[in-house]
Amino acid sequence: AFTWCQVPFVYQVRDCAQPSLLLSMNDGTQQHISDLAITGEICRNIFLRNGRIKRIDVTLPPALLFTE
């Protein structure tokens, strides 16, 4: 885990087919992104440090990190 512009990014390695992001917003809602890319709007909210994005969970399959 690390923080970027005061937003925690928490990485998890799980057996899954695709990497994904789970954005937890300050209003209690969550947004699931089935990719490792975020929109310009999300980037803007992170860089502005406006508190709208509470946390980002990153889920990665082991194949992306470990090779034999």
C-alpha atoms as a PDB file:
ATOM      1  CA  ALA A   1       0.000   0.000   0.000  1.00  0.00           C
ATOM      2  CA  PHE A   2       1.011   3.601  -0.529  1.00  0.00           C
ATOM      3  CA  THR A   3      -0.647   6.998  -0.735  1.00  0.00           C
ATOM      4  CA  TRP A   4      -0.656   9.302  -3.740  1.00  0.00           C
ATOM      5  CA  CYS A   5      -1.900  12.845  -3.156  1.00  0.00           C
ATOM      6  CA  GLN A   6      -3.387  11.659   0.153  1.00  0.00           C
ATOM      7  CA  VAL A   7      -5.366   8.817  -1.483  1.00  0.00           C
ATOM      8  CA  PRO A   8      -4.456   5.305  -0.250  1.00  0.00           C
ATOM      9  CA  PHE A   9      -3.744   2.739  -2.972  1.00  0.00           C
ATOM     10  CA  VAL A  10      -3.977  -0.793  -1.597  1.00  0.00           C
ATOM     11  CA  TYR A  11      -2.636  -3.642  -3.732  1.00  0.00           C
ATOM     12  CA  GLN A  12      -3.888  -7.213  -3.426  1.00  0.00           C
ATOM     13  CA  VAL A  13      -2.702 -10.272  -5.329  1.00  0.00           C
ATOM     14  CA  ARG A  14      -5.587 -12.649  -6.002  1.00  0.00           C
ATOM     15  CA  ASP A  15      -6.354 -15.464  -8.392  1.00  0.00           C
ATOM     16  CA  CYS A  16      -8.414 -13.585 -10.943  1.00  0.00           C
ATOM     17  CA  ALA A  17      -8.530 -13.447 -14.710  1.00  0.00           C
ATOM     18  CA  GLN A  18      -8.153  -9.688 -15.089  1.00  0.00           C
ATOM     19  CA  PRO A  19      -6.664  -6.902 -12.997  1.00  0.00           C
ATOM     20  CA  SER A  20      -9.177  -4.424 -11.607  1.00  0.00           C
ATOM     21  CA  LEU A  21      -9.633  -1.271  -9.572  1.00  0.00           C
ATOM     22  CA  LEU A  22     -12.208  -0.559  -6.902  1.00  0.00           C
ATOM     23  CA  LEU A  23     -12.652   3.113  -6.106  1.00  0.00           C
ATOM     24  CA  SER A  24     -14.239   3.947  -2.775  1.00  0.00           C
ATOM     25  CA  MET A  25     -15.714   7.411  -2.852  1.00  0.00           C
ATOM     26  CA  ASN A  26     -16.201   9.780   0.082  1.00  0.00           C
ATOM     27  CA  ASP A  27     -20.006   9.602  -0.268  1.00  0.00           C
ATOM     28  CA  GLY A  28     -19.955   5.831   0.401  1.00  0.00           C
ATOM     29  CA  THR A  29     -20.359   4.696  -3.211  1.00  0.00           C
ATOM     30  CA  GLN A  30     -17.924   2.432  -5.021  1.00  0.00           C
ATOM     31  CA  GLN A  31     -16.903   2.262  -8.648  1.00  0.00           C
ATOM     32  CA  HIS A  32     -15.486  -0.941 -10.152  1.00  0.00           C
ATOM     33  CA  ILE A  33     -13.122  -0.613 -13.107  1.00  0.00           C
ATOM     34  CA  SER A  34     -12.138  -3.810 -14.899  1.00  0.00           C
ATOM     35  CA  ASP A  35      -8.835  -2.426 -16.104  1.00  0.00           C
ATOM     36  CA  LEU A  36      -5.803  -0.652 -14.683  1.00  0.00           C
ATOM     37  CA  ALA A  37      -6.645   2.729 -16.203  1.00  0.00           C
ATOM     38  CA  ILE A  38      -8.515   5.601 -14.597  1.00  0.00           C
ATOM     39  CA  THR A  39     -10.335   8.463 -16.264  1.00  0.00           C
ATOM     40  CA  GLY A  40      -9.234  12.063 -16.428  1.00  0.00           C
ATOM     41  CA  GLU A  41     -11.992  12.965 -13.970  1.00  0.00           C
ATOM     42  CA  ILE A  42     -10.674  10.492 -11.406  1.00  0.00           C
ATOM     43  CA  CYS A  43      -7.118  11.786 -11.923  1.00  0.00           C
ATOM     44  CA  ARG A  44      -8.324  15.336 -11.453  1.00  0.00           C
ATOM     45  CA  ASN A  45     -10.011  14.422  -8.158  1.00  0.00           C
ATOM     46  CA  ILE A  46      -6.832  12.706  -6.946  1.00  0.00           C
ATOM     47  CA  PHE A  47      -4.528  15.586  -7.904  1.00  0.00           C
ATOM     48  CA  LEU A  48      -6.876  18.232  -6.486  1.00  0.00           C
ATOM     49  CA  ARG A  49      -6.875  16.380  -3.135  1.00  0.00           C
ATOM     50  CA  ASN A  50     -10.533  17.283  -2.751  1.00  0.00           C
ATOM     51  CA  GLY A  51     -11.405  14.193  -0.689  1.00  0.00           C
ATOM     52  CA  ARG A  52     -13.896  12.772  -3.195  1.00  0.00           C
ATOM     53  CA  ILE A  53     -11.868   9.590  -3.619  1.00  0.00           C
ATOM     54  CA  LYS A  54     -11.372   7.880  -0.283  1.00  0.00           C
ATOM     55  CA  ARG A  55      -9.354   4.829  -1.382  1.00  0.00           C
ATOM     56  CA  ILE A  56      -8.360   2.803  -4.443  1.00  0.00           C
ATOM     57  CA  ASP A  57      -8.000  -0.974  -4.201  1.00  0.00           C
ATOM     58  CA  VAL A  58      -5.912  -2.569  -6.950  1.00  0.00           C
ATOM     59  CA  THR A  59      -6.373  -6.302  -7.553  1.00  0.00           C
ATOM     60  CA  LEU A  60      -3.733  -8.083  -9.606  1.00  0.00           C
ATOM     61  CA  PRO A  61      -3.448 -11.694 -10.769  1.00  0.00           C
ATOM     62  CA  PRO A  62      -0.162 -13.372  -9.772  1.00  0.00           C
ATOM     63  CA  ALA A  63       0.775 -13.829 -13.456  1.00  0.00           C
ATOM     64  CA  LEU A  64       1.304 -10.055 -13.769  1.00  0.00           C
ATOM     65  CA  LEU A  65       3.832 -10.050 -10.954  1.00  0.00           C
ATOM     66  CA  PHE A  66       5.501 -13.433 -10.892  1.00  0.00           C
ATOM     67  CA  THR A  67       7.062 -15.377 -13.725  1.00  0.00           C
ATOM     68  CA  GLU A  68       8.458 -18.867 -13.674  1.00  0.00           C
END
